[in-house]
């Protein structure tokens, strides 16, 4: 398929992809990025589309994979943030209670793996 075909697909299915991603749980703040990701995949893989399913079905499958990737990415980020905020809140609570933390070794946010040599 040619470049004009991609432009036609983009124009015709943009709203469908956007609504699908929203329904699949992509946050509003990530919707534009996720929609762009879908159409990047479409542009790269359009020549591989064999027509065994409808174009809408193919686009929805791509949107499902992109939405899953965005949700996983968001979950990783939010878990890391929760852990750091929880540790900081505990440290603050201990300080407010007058418990000294000077002898406690603070765990760094990232530690390189130690080699077994």
C-alpha atoms as a PDB file:
ATOM      1  CA  UNK A   1       0.000   0.000   0.000  1.00  0.00           C
ATOM      2  CA  UNK A   2       1.225   3.485  -0.734  1.00  0.00           C
ATOM      3  CA  UNK A   3       1.794   6.532   1.451  1.00  0.00           C
ATOM      4  CA  UNK A   4      -1.562   7.980   0.398  1.00  0.00           C
ATOM      5  CA  UNK A   5      -3.187   4.829   1.721  1.00  0.00           C
ATOM      6  CA  UNK A   6      -1.608   5.449   5.119  1.00  0.00           C
ATOM      7  CA  UNK A   7      -2.914   9.033   5.092  1.00  0.00           C
ATOM      8  CA  UNK A   8      -6.398   7.770   4.240  1.00  0.00           C
ATOM      9  CA  UNK A   9      -6.265   5.185   7.029  1.00  0.00           C
ATOM     10  CA  UNK A  10      -5.078   7.829   9.499  1.00  0.00           C
ATOM     11  CA  UNK A  11      -7.886  10.213   8.553  1.00  0.00           C
ATOM     12  CA  UNK A  12     -10.586   7.574   8.559  1.00  0.00           C
ATOM     13  CA  UNK A  13      -9.592   5.615  11.691  1.00  0.00           C
ATOM     14  CA  UNK A  14      -7.953   8.159  14.003  1.00  0.00           C
ATOM     15  CA  UNK A  15     -11.111   8.665  16.104  1.00  0.00           C
ATOM     16  CA  UNK A  16     -11.722   4.901  16.256  1.00  0.00           C
ATOM     17  CA  UNK A  17      -8.180   4.244  17.515  1.00  0.00           C
ATOM     18  CA  UNK A  18      -8.395   7.085  20.058  1.00  0.00           C
ATOM     19  CA  UNK A  19     -11.740   5.835  21.441  1.00  0.00           C
ATOM     20  CA  UNK A  20     -10.492   2.236  21.501  1.00  0.00           C
ATOM     21  CA  UNK A  21      -7.393   3.179  23.492  1.00  0.00           C
ATOM     22  CA  UNK A  22      -9.512   5.163  25.944  1.00  0.00           C
ATOM     23  CA  UNK A  23     -11.871   2.200  26.367  1.00  0.00           C
ATOM     24  CA  UNK A  24      -8.864  -0.097  26.871  1.00  0.00           C
ATOM     25  CA  UNK A  25      -7.754   1.905  29.902  1.00  0.00           C
ATOM     26  CA  UNK A  26      -5.076   4.242  28.569  1.00  0.00           C
ATOM     27  CA  UNK A  27      -4.998   7.345  30.754  1.00  0.00           C
ATOM     28  CA  UNK A  28      -6.041  10.678  29.259  1.00  0.00           C
ATOM     29  CA  UNK A  29      -2.523  12.020  29.694  1.00  0.00           C
ATOM     30  CA  UNK A  30      -1.084   9.141  27.625  1.00  0.00           C
ATOM     31  CA  UNK A  31      -3.785   8.973  24.937  1.00  0.00           C
ATOM     32  CA  UNK A  32      -1.992  11.132  22.376  1.00  0.00           C
ATOM     33  CA  UNK A  33       1.252   9.182  22.780  1.00  0.00           C
ATOM     34  CA  UNK A  34      -0.542   5.847  22.583  1.00  0.00           C
ATOM     35  CA  UNK A  35      -2.475   6.902  19.482  1.00  0.00           C
ATOM     36  CA  UNK A  36       0.762   7.984  17.845  1.00  0.00           C
ATOM     37  CA  UNK A  37       2.352   4.650  18.799  1.00  0.00           C
ATOM     38  CA  UNK A  38      -0.494   2.779  17.092  1.00  0.00           C
ATOM     39  CA  UNK A  39      -0.067   4.711  13.871  1.00  0.00           C
ATOM     40  CA  UNK A  40       3.726   4.285  13.949  1.00  0.00           C
ATOM     41  CA  UNK A  41       3.140   0.516  14.013  1.00  0.00           C
ATOM     42  CA  UNK A  42       0.534   0.837  11.246  1.00  0.00           C
ATOM     43  CA  UNK A  43       2.954   2.807   9.075  1.00  0.00           C
ATOM     44  CA  UNK A  44       5.730   0.260   9.608  1.00  0.00           C
ATOM     45  CA  UNK A  45       3.524  -2.807   9.127  1.00  0.00           C
ATOM     46  CA  UNK A  46       1.057  -1.624   6.490  1.00  0.00           C
ATOM     47  CA  UNK A  47       2.881  -3.532   3.760  1.00  0.00           C
ATOM     48  CA  UNK A  48       2.532  -6.710   5.874  1.00  0.00           C
ATOM     49  CA  UNK A  49      -1.257  -6.359   6.163  1.00  0.00           C
ATOM     50  CA  UNK A  50      -2.654  -9.301   4.215  1.00  0.00           C
ATOM     51  CA  UNK A  51      -6.326  -8.468   4.432  1.00  0.00           C
ATOM     52  CA  UNK A  52      -7.268 -11.712   6.196  1.00  0.00           C
ATOM     53  CA  UNK A  53      -9.253  -9.578   8.633  1.00  0.00           C
ATOM     54  CA  UNK A  54     -10.848  -6.182   8.271  1.00  0.00           C
ATOM     55  CA  UNK A  55      -8.607  -3.162   8.614  1.00  0.00           C
ATOM     56  CA  UNK A  56     -10.579  -2.111  11.693  1.00  0.00           C
ATOM     57  CA  UNK A  57      -9.903  -5.475  13.362  1.00  0.00           C
ATOM     58  CA  UNK A  58      -6.195  -5.202  12.559  1.00  0.00           C
ATOM     59  CA  UNK A  59      -6.060  -1.667  13.999  1.00  0.00           C
ATOM     60  CA  UNK A  60      -7.885  -2.777  17.140  1.00  0.00           C
ATOM     61  CA  UNK A  61      -5.369  -5.599  17.674  1.00  0.00           C
ATOM     62  CA  UNK A  62      -2.510  -3.124  17.437  1.00  0.00           C
ATOM     63  CA  UNK A  63      -4.346  -0.759  19.805  1.00  0.00           C
ATOM     64  CA  UNK A  64      -4.773  -3.600  22.329  1.00  0.00           C
ATOM     65  CA  UNK A  65      -1.032  -4.303  22.368  1.00  0.00           C
ATOM     66  CA  UNK A  66      -0.121  -0.612  22.610  1.00  0.00           C
ATOM     67  CA  UNK A  67      -2.652  -0.097  25.439  1.00  0.00           C
ATOM     68  CA  UNK A  68      -1.201  -3.055  27.356  1.00  0.00           C
ATOM     69  CA  UNK A  69       2.303  -1.627  26.961  1.00  0.00           C
ATOM     70  CA  UNK A  70       1.181   1.795  28.197  1.00  0.00           C
ATOM     71  CA  UNK A  71      -0.610   0.292  31.200  1.00  0.00           C
ATOM     72  CA  UNK A  72       2.459  -1.791  32.108  1.00  0.00           C
ATOM     73  CA  UNK A  73       4.662   1.262  31.781  1.00  0.00           C
ATOM     74  CA  UNK A  74       2.330   3.304  33.994  1.00  0.00           C
ATOM     75  CA  UNK A  75       2.156   0.528  36.610  1.00  0.00           C
ATOM     76  CA  UNK A  76       5.955   0.255  36.787  1.00  0.00           C
ATOM     77  CA  UNK A  77       6.273   4.002  37.235  1.00  0.00           C
ATOM     78  CA  UNK A  78       3.524   4.253  39.835  1.00  0.00           C
ATOM     79  CA  UNK A  79       4.874   1.319  41.908  1.00  0.00           C
ATOM     80  CA  UNK A  80       8.350   2.816  42.005  1.00  0.00           C
ATOM     81  CA  UNK A  81       6.916   6.179  43.002  1.00  0.00           C
ATOM     82  CA  UNK A  82       4.743   4.659  45.741  1.00  0.00           C
ATOM     83  CA  UNK A  83       7.691   2.772  47.204  1.00  0.00           C
ATOM     84  CA  UNK A  84       9.873   5.880  47.355  1.00  0.00           C
ATOM     85  CA  UNK A  85       7.073   8.033  48.814  1.00  0.00           C
ATOM     86  CA  UNK A  86       6.301   5.356  51.425  1.00  0.00           C
ATOM     87  CA  UNK A  87       9.934   5.121  52.538  1.00  0.00           C
ATOM     88  CA  UNK A  88      10.224   8.914  52.708  1.00  0.00           C
ATOM     89  CA  UNK A  89       6.983   9.132  54.719  1.00  0.00           C
ATOM     90  CA  UNK A  90       8.237   6.486  57.180  1.00  0.00           C
ATOM     91  CA  UNK A  91      11.531   8.309  57.605  1.00  0.00           C
ATOM     92  CA  UNK A  92       9.699  11.576  58.249  1.00  0.00           C
ATOM     93  CA  UNK A  93       7.425   9.884  60.796  1.00  0.00           C
ATOM     94  CA  UNK A  94      10.431   8.456  62.633  1.00  0.00           C
ATOM     95  CA  UNK A  95      12.138  11.855  62.702  1.00  0.00           C
ATOM     96  CA  UNK A  96       8.985  13.498  64.029  1.00  0.00           C
ATOM     97  CA  UNK A  97       8.808  10.853  66.785  1.00  0.00           C
ATOM     98  CA  UNK A  98      12.376  11.707  67.754  1.00  0.00           C
ATOM     99  CA  UNK A  99      13.869   8.399  66.617  1.00  0.00           C
ATOM    100  CA  UNK A 100      17.440   8.865  65.397  1.00  0.00           C
ATOM    101  CA  UNK A 101      18.251   7.536  61.926  1.00  0.00           C
ATOM    102  CA  UNK A 102      21.978   8.279  61.947  1.00  0.00           C
ATOM    103  CA  UNK A 103      23.049   4.643  62.434  1.00  0.00           C
ATOM    104  CA  UNK A 104      20.656   3.249  59.866  1.00  0.00           C
ATOM    105  CA  UNK A 105      22.067   2.522  56.424  1.00  0.00           C
ATOM    106  CA  UNK A 106      19.763   3.998  53.812  1.00  0.00           C
ATOM    107  CA  UNK A 107      19.029   1.747  50.886  1.00  0.00           C
ATOM    108  CA  UNK A 108      19.936   3.464  47.617  1.00  0.00           C
ATOM    109  CA  UNK A 109      17.203   3.678  45.005  1.00  0.00           C
ATOM    110  CA  UNK A 110      19.332   1.601  42.666  1.00  0.00           C
ATOM    111  CA  UNK A 111      22.142  -0.802  43.455  1.00  0.00           C
ATOM    112  CA  UNK A 112      24.308  -2.380  40.766  1.00  0.00           C
ATOM    113  CA  UNK A 113      24.391  -6.161  40.688  1.00  0.00           C
ATOM    114  CA  UNK A 114      27.390  -7.649  42.394  1.00  0.00           C
ATOM    115  CA  UNK A 115      29.460 -10.051  40.386  1.00  0.00           C
ATOM    116  CA  UNK A 116      30.199 -13.524  41.752  1.00  0.00           C
ATOM    117  CA  UNK A 117      33.910 -13.293  41.002  1.00  0.00           C
END
